[in-house]
Amino acid sequence: MAMTIAGSDSGAGAGLQADLKTFAALGVFATTVVTAVTAQSTRTVAGVAAMRPEFVALQIDTVLDDMPVAAVKTGMLASSAIVAVVAERARRGRLPNLVVDPVLMSSTGHPLLDPGGVDAYRQLLCPVARVLTPNLREAALLLGVDTAALADVDAMADAARRLTALGPETVVVKGGHLGGEGSPDVVATNGTITVLDRARIRTANDHGTGCSLAAAVAAGLARGLGVHDALTRAEAYVEHAIAGAARWRLGAGRGPLDHFGWR
């Protein structure tokens, strides 16, 4: 059993909806904590309504007081106050195998966190994460550098090392936005760098890729896998989901993944 703490995507490509589909596809029962509701499609985020932090806390505590959650994945947390709520539960050991996907901005450039949120991630949530999975833009924001500085695998590796200094056991800097023929993810753990490279799949349907990868890692941890095996299987799952949806036409923008192998 796992938990996702994330925002709702009304277009159902990312957020809670992507997490639920990923957990189901990988055979893990999912519990949910809603942090925000978005008005969202394949083309845009038209609006965001964040939950009150105390209600987010109530959702977390109500589930955990009754159900044996073995891994937790966070997505869009919407405010620094909600980041603090989640981090406080994690510090008390209530959020096992915590996978943090630091959703700071939408793929269309819409901010998904209040101005103090990045510092809250750095100071409160990153130190209690088992796995941190930023994309290039998120890694740059967490490090306080320009995204253009993360222009190749060597720079990604340096960023991953620097991000482990914030406290996560493992950092995965995702290279989907790097460009070129490959789509490398760079993993830093225990001072070791590993590059997980794969051929880029040319498609407009990649909305929710980061959410799905983090959820798939959490699903593996919930099933008792170590981080390396959970990540390896998650990468394979997401690659298959991207390939399956490559020719779909659902909306006029960035479409969703094929979470269930429909093809």
Protein backbone atom coordinates (compact mmCIF):
# COMPACT_ATOMS: atom_id res chain seq x y z
CA MET A 1 0.00 0.00 0.00
CA ALA A 2 1.23 3.47 -0.87
CA MET A 3 0.18 7.10 -0.45
CA THR A 4 0.31 9.99 -2.88
CA ILE A 5 0.27 13.54 -1.53
CA ALA A 6 -0.35 15.69 -4.58
CA GLY A 7 -2.62 17.97 -6.55
CA SER A 8 -5.51 16.97 -8.77
CA ASP A 9 -5.12 17.42 -12.54
CA SER A 10 -8.53 17.87 -14.16
CA GLY A 11 -7.06 16.69 -17.47
CA ALA A 12 -5.96 13.49 -15.67
CA GLY A 13 -2.52 13.37 -17.29
CA ALA A 14 -0.45 14.25 -14.23
CA GLY A 15 -0.89 14.74 -10.48
CA LEU A 16 -3.01 12.44 -8.35
CA GLN A 17 -4.60 10.90 -11.41
CA ALA A 18 -1.28 9.84 -12.92
CA ASP A 19 -0.16 8.51 -9.54
CA LEU A 20 -3.31 6.44 -9.08
CA LYS A 21 -2.97 4.93 -12.56
CA THR A 22 0.70 4.14 -11.97
CA PHE A 23 0.09 2.49 -8.59
CA ALA A 24 -2.77 0.44 -10.04
CA ALA A 25 -0.73 -0.66 -13.04
CA LEU A 26 2.07 -1.82 -10.74
CA GLY A 27 -0.20 -3.71 -8.36
CA VAL A 28 -0.10 -1.35 -5.39
CA PHE A 29 -3.19 -0.08 -3.56
CA ALA A 30 -3.11 3.72 -3.40
CA THR A 31 -4.33 6.12 -0.74
CA THR A 32 -4.59 9.82 -1.59
CA VAL A 33 -4.07 13.18 0.06
CA VAL A 34 -5.27 16.11 -2.04
CA THR A 35 -3.13 19.25 -1.71
CA ALA A 36 -4.71 21.33 -4.46
CA VAL A 37 -7.25 21.25 -7.26
CA THR A 38 -6.23 22.54 -10.67
CA ALA A 39 -8.21 23.58 -13.73
CA GLN A 40 -5.90 21.99 -16.26
CA SER A 41 -5.83 20.49 -19.74
CA THR A 42 -3.20 19.27 -22.17
CA ARG A 43 -2.56 22.91 -23.11
CA THR A 44 -2.64 24.97 -19.93
CA VAL A 45 -3.09 25.34 -16.19
CA ALA A 46 -5.96 27.82 -15.97
CA GLY A 47 -6.15 27.95 -12.19
CA VAL A 48 -5.05 26.42 -8.88
CA ALA A 49 -6.97 26.19 -5.60
CA ALA A 50 -4.79 25.00 -2.72
CA MET A 51 -6.13 23.09 0.27
CA ARG A 52 -5.79 24.49 3.77
CA PRO A 53 -2.63 23.03 5.38
CA GLU A 54 -4.55 21.78 8.40
CA PHE A 55 -6.90 19.83 6.12
CA VAL A 56 -3.94 18.28 4.31
CA ALA A 57 -2.63 17.26 7.73
CA LEU A 58 -6.01 15.77 8.63
CA GLN A 59 -6.06 13.69 5.45
CA ILE A 60 -2.57 12.34 6.11
CA ASP A 61 -3.22 11.51 9.75
CA THR A 62 -6.63 9.94 9.14
CA VAL A 63 -5.21 7.51 6.59
CA LEU A 64 -2.06 6.69 8.55
CA ASP A 65 -3.98 6.06 11.77
CA ASP A 66 -5.83 3.23 10.03
CA MET A 67 -3.95 1.91 6.99
CA PRO A 68 -0.47 0.31 6.63
CA VAL A 69 1.18 2.66 4.13
CA ALA A 70 4.60 1.32 3.08
CA ALA A 71 5.76 4.14 0.80
CA VAL A 72 4.78 7.76 0.14
CA LYS A 73 5.16 9.91 -2.96
CA THR A 74 4.73 13.68 -2.99
CA GLY A 75 3.90 15.79 -6.01
CA MET A 76 2.48 19.29 -6.16
CA LEU A 77 2.33 20.64 -2.61
CA ALA A 78 1.10 24.13 -3.58
CA SER A 79 2.39 26.12 -0.58
CA SER A 80 5.30 26.33 1.83
CA ALA A 81 2.86 25.66 4.68
CA ILE A 82 1.84 22.33 3.12
CA VAL A 83 5.51 21.47 2.52
CA ALA A 84 6.06 22.07 6.25
CA VAL A 85 3.11 19.82 7.18
CA VAL A 86 4.46 16.96 5.07
CA ALA A 87 8.02 17.41 6.32
CA GLU A 88 6.89 17.39 9.94
CA ARG A 89 5.14 14.02 9.47
CA ALA A 90 8.21 12.67 7.71
CA ARG A 91 10.52 13.78 10.54
CA ARG A 92 8.32 11.84 12.97
CA GLY A 93 8.75 8.71 10.85
CA ARG A 94 5.17 8.67 9.66
CA LEU A 95 5.98 8.77 5.92
CA PRO A 96 8.11 5.70 5.12
CA ASN A 97 10.14 5.41 1.92
CA LEU A 98 9.41 9.02 1.00
CA VAL A 99 9.82 9.83 -2.70
CA VAL A 100 9.77 13.59 -3.31
CA ASP A 101 8.96 14.86 -6.78
CA PRO A 102 9.53 18.61 -6.28
CA VAL A 103 6.75 19.97 -8.49
CA LEU A 104 7.61 23.66 -8.56
CA MET A 105 6.32 24.73 -11.98
CA SER A 106 4.12 23.26 -14.71
CA SER A 107 5.56 22.25 -18.07
CA THR A 108 3.84 25.33 -19.53
CA GLY A 109 5.68 27.60 -17.06
CA HIS A 110 2.82 28.13 -14.59
CA PRO A 111 4.13 28.42 -10.97
CA LEU A 112 2.72 25.63 -8.79
CA LEU A 113 4.17 26.77 -5.46
CA ASP A 114 4.16 30.00 -3.48
CA PRO A 115 7.33 32.16 -3.32
CA GLY A 116 8.63 30.60 -0.09
CA GLY A 117 8.12 27.08 -1.33
CA VAL A 118 11.55 26.44 -2.81
CA ASP A 119 13.28 27.31 0.46
CA ALA A 120 10.81 25.08 2.31
CA TYR A 121 11.78 22.19 0.05
CA ARG A 122 15.49 22.84 0.60
CA GLN A 123 15.30 23.24 4.36
CA LEU A 124 12.44 20.96 5.37
CA LEU A 125 11.49 18.30 2.85
CA CYS A 126 14.69 17.38 1.00
CA PRO A 127 16.44 16.37 4.25
CA VAL A 128 13.76 13.73 4.97
CA ALA A 129 13.42 12.31 1.44
CA ARG A 130 14.66 8.85 0.60
CA VAL A 131 14.50 9.68 -3.12
CA LEU A 132 14.36 13.13 -4.75
CA THR A 133 13.38 13.28 -8.45
CA PRO A 134 13.74 16.82 -9.90
CA ASN A 135 13.70 17.61 -13.59
CA LEU A 136 16.28 20.05 -14.94
CA ARG A 137 14.26 23.17 -14.13
CA GLU A 138 13.46 21.94 -10.62
CA ALA A 139 17.06 20.97 -9.95
CA ALA A 140 18.17 24.44 -11.04
CA LEU A 141 15.61 26.14 -8.80
CA LEU A 142 16.63 24.04 -5.80
CA LEU A 143 20.31 24.87 -6.42
CA GLY A 144 19.68 28.53 -7.21
CA VAL A 145 21.24 28.36 -10.67
CA ASP A 146 20.03 29.01 -14.19
CA THR A 147 18.54 26.01 -15.99
CA ALA A 148 20.94 26.69 -18.87
CA ALA A 149 23.77 25.66 -16.55
CA LEU A 150 22.48 22.07 -16.63
CA ALA A 151 23.20 21.58 -20.31
CA ASP A 152 24.83 18.15 -20.36
CA VAL A 153 25.24 14.93 -18.41
CA ASP A 154 28.33 16.14 -16.55
CA ALA A 155 26.45 19.21 -15.29
CA MET A 156 23.51 17.00 -14.32
CA ALA A 157 25.85 14.73 -12.37
CA ASP A 158 27.30 17.70 -10.51
CA ALA A 159 23.80 18.93 -9.72
CA ALA A 160 22.77 15.51 -8.45
CA ARG A 161 25.80 15.38 -6.14
CA ARG A 162 25.08 18.87 -4.82
CA LEU A 163 21.44 18.00 -4.20
CA THR A 164 22.38 14.96 -2.09
CA ALA A 165 24.03 17.47 0.26
CA LEU A 166 20.50 18.67 1.11
CA GLY A 167 19.85 15.28 2.68
CA PRO A 168 18.17 12.82 0.29
CA GLU A 169 19.61 9.31 0.18
CA THR A 170 19.24 9.24 -3.61
CA VAL A 171 18.78 12.03 -6.16
CA VAL A 172 17.54 11.42 -9.70
CA VAL A 173 18.02 14.42 -12.00
CA LYS A 174 15.76 13.77 -14.98
CA GLY A 175 17.03 14.73 -18.41
CA GLY A 176 13.86 14.56 -20.46
CA HIS A 177 14.15 18.27 -21.30
CA LEU A 178 17.84 18.06 -22.20
CA GLY A 179 17.29 17.66 -25.92
CA GLY A 180 19.21 15.48 -28.32
CA GLU A 181 18.70 11.84 -29.24
CA GLY A 182 19.00 10.51 -25.71
CA SER A 183 16.94 11.08 -22.58
CA PRO A 184 19.37 10.47 -19.71
CA ASP A 185 18.51 10.43 -16.02
CA VAL A 186 21.44 10.89 -13.65
CA VAL A 187 21.38 9.16 -10.27
CA ALA A 188 23.49 10.12 -7.27
CA THR A 189 23.55 7.85 -4.22
CA ASN A 190 26.22 7.22 -1.59
CA GLY A 191 28.73 9.27 -3.56
CA THR A 192 28.23 7.19 -6.72
CA ILE A 193 26.91 8.55 -10.02
CA THR A 194 24.95 6.35 -12.43
CA VAL A 195 23.62 7.46 -15.81
CA LEU A 196 20.42 5.76 -16.93
CA ASP A 197 20.26 6.55 -20.63
CA ARG A 198 17.65 5.59 -23.18
CA ALA A 199 16.70 6.63 -26.68
CA ARG A 200 14.35 9.60 -26.85
CA ILE A 201 10.82 8.78 -27.96
CA ARG A 202 9.57 11.57 -30.22
CA THR A 203 6.06 12.34 -29.02
CA ALA A 204 3.87 15.17 -27.79
CA ASN A 205 2.39 12.84 -25.19
CA ASP A 206 4.64 13.21 -22.18
CA HIS A 207 2.41 15.01 -19.67
CA GLY A 208 2.77 13.38 -16.26
CA THR A 209 6.06 11.64 -16.99
CA GLY A 210 7.72 12.94 -13.82
CA CYS A 211 4.71 12.15 -11.63
CA SER A 212 4.54 8.64 -13.07
CA LEU A 213 8.24 7.96 -12.55
CA ALA A 214 8.17 9.05 -8.89
CA ALA A 215 4.98 7.06 -8.27
CA ALA A 216 6.51 4.00 -9.91
CA VAL A 217 9.58 4.29 -7.66
CA ALA A 218 7.31 4.54 -4.61
CA ALA A 219 5.36 1.50 -5.83
CA GLY A 220 8.57 -0.51 -6.01
CA LEU A 221 9.62 0.58 -2.52
CA ALA A 222 6.15 -0.31 -1.21
CA ARG A 223 6.61 -3.81 -2.63
CA GLY A 224 9.90 -4.20 -0.76
CA LEU A 225 12.41 -3.42 -3.50
CA GLY A 226 15.61 -1.51 -2.82
CA VAL A 227 16.04 1.93 -4.36
CA HIS A 228 18.16 0.72 -7.30
CA ASP A 229 15.71 -2.00 -8.34
CA ALA A 230 12.70 0.25 -7.76
CA LEU A 231 14.24 2.95 -9.93
CA THR A 232 15.32 0.56 -12.69
CA ARG A 233 11.83 -0.92 -12.92
CA ALA A 234 10.23 2.52 -12.76
CA GLU A 235 12.36 3.75 -15.67
CA ALA A 236 11.33 0.74 -17.77
CA TYR A 237 7.66 1.21 -16.89
CA VAL A 238 7.64 4.91 -17.85
CA GLU A 239 9.52 4.26 -21.09
CA HIS A 240 6.88 1.69 -22.04
CA ALA A 241 4.07 4.08 -21.08
CA ILE A 242 5.54 6.88 -23.21
CA ALA A 243 5.99 4.57 -26.19
CA GLY A 244 2.44 3.25 -25.86
CA ALA A 245 0.91 6.72 -26.04
CA ALA A 246 3.22 8.11 -28.71
CA ARG A 247 0.52 8.22 -31.40
CA TRP A 248 -2.44 9.15 -29.22
CA ARG A 249 -4.37 12.34 -29.96
CA LEU A 250 -6.06 13.41 -26.72
CA GLY A 251 -6.25 17.19 -26.68
CA ALA A 252 -4.29 19.81 -28.58
CA GLY A 253 -1.26 20.01 -26.26
CA ARG A 254 0.96 17.65 -24.28
CA GLY A 255 -1.02 14.44 -23.91
CA PRO A 256 -0.92 11.74 -21.22
CA LEU A 257 0.95 8.43 -21.01
CA ASP A 258 -0.34 4.93 -21.65
CA HIS A 259 -0.24 3.77 -18.03
CA PHE A 260 -2.02 0.45 -18.63
CA GLY A 261 -0.37 -0.76 -21.82
CA TRP A 262 -3.43 -0.14 -23.98
CA ARG A 263 -1.39 1.03 -26.98
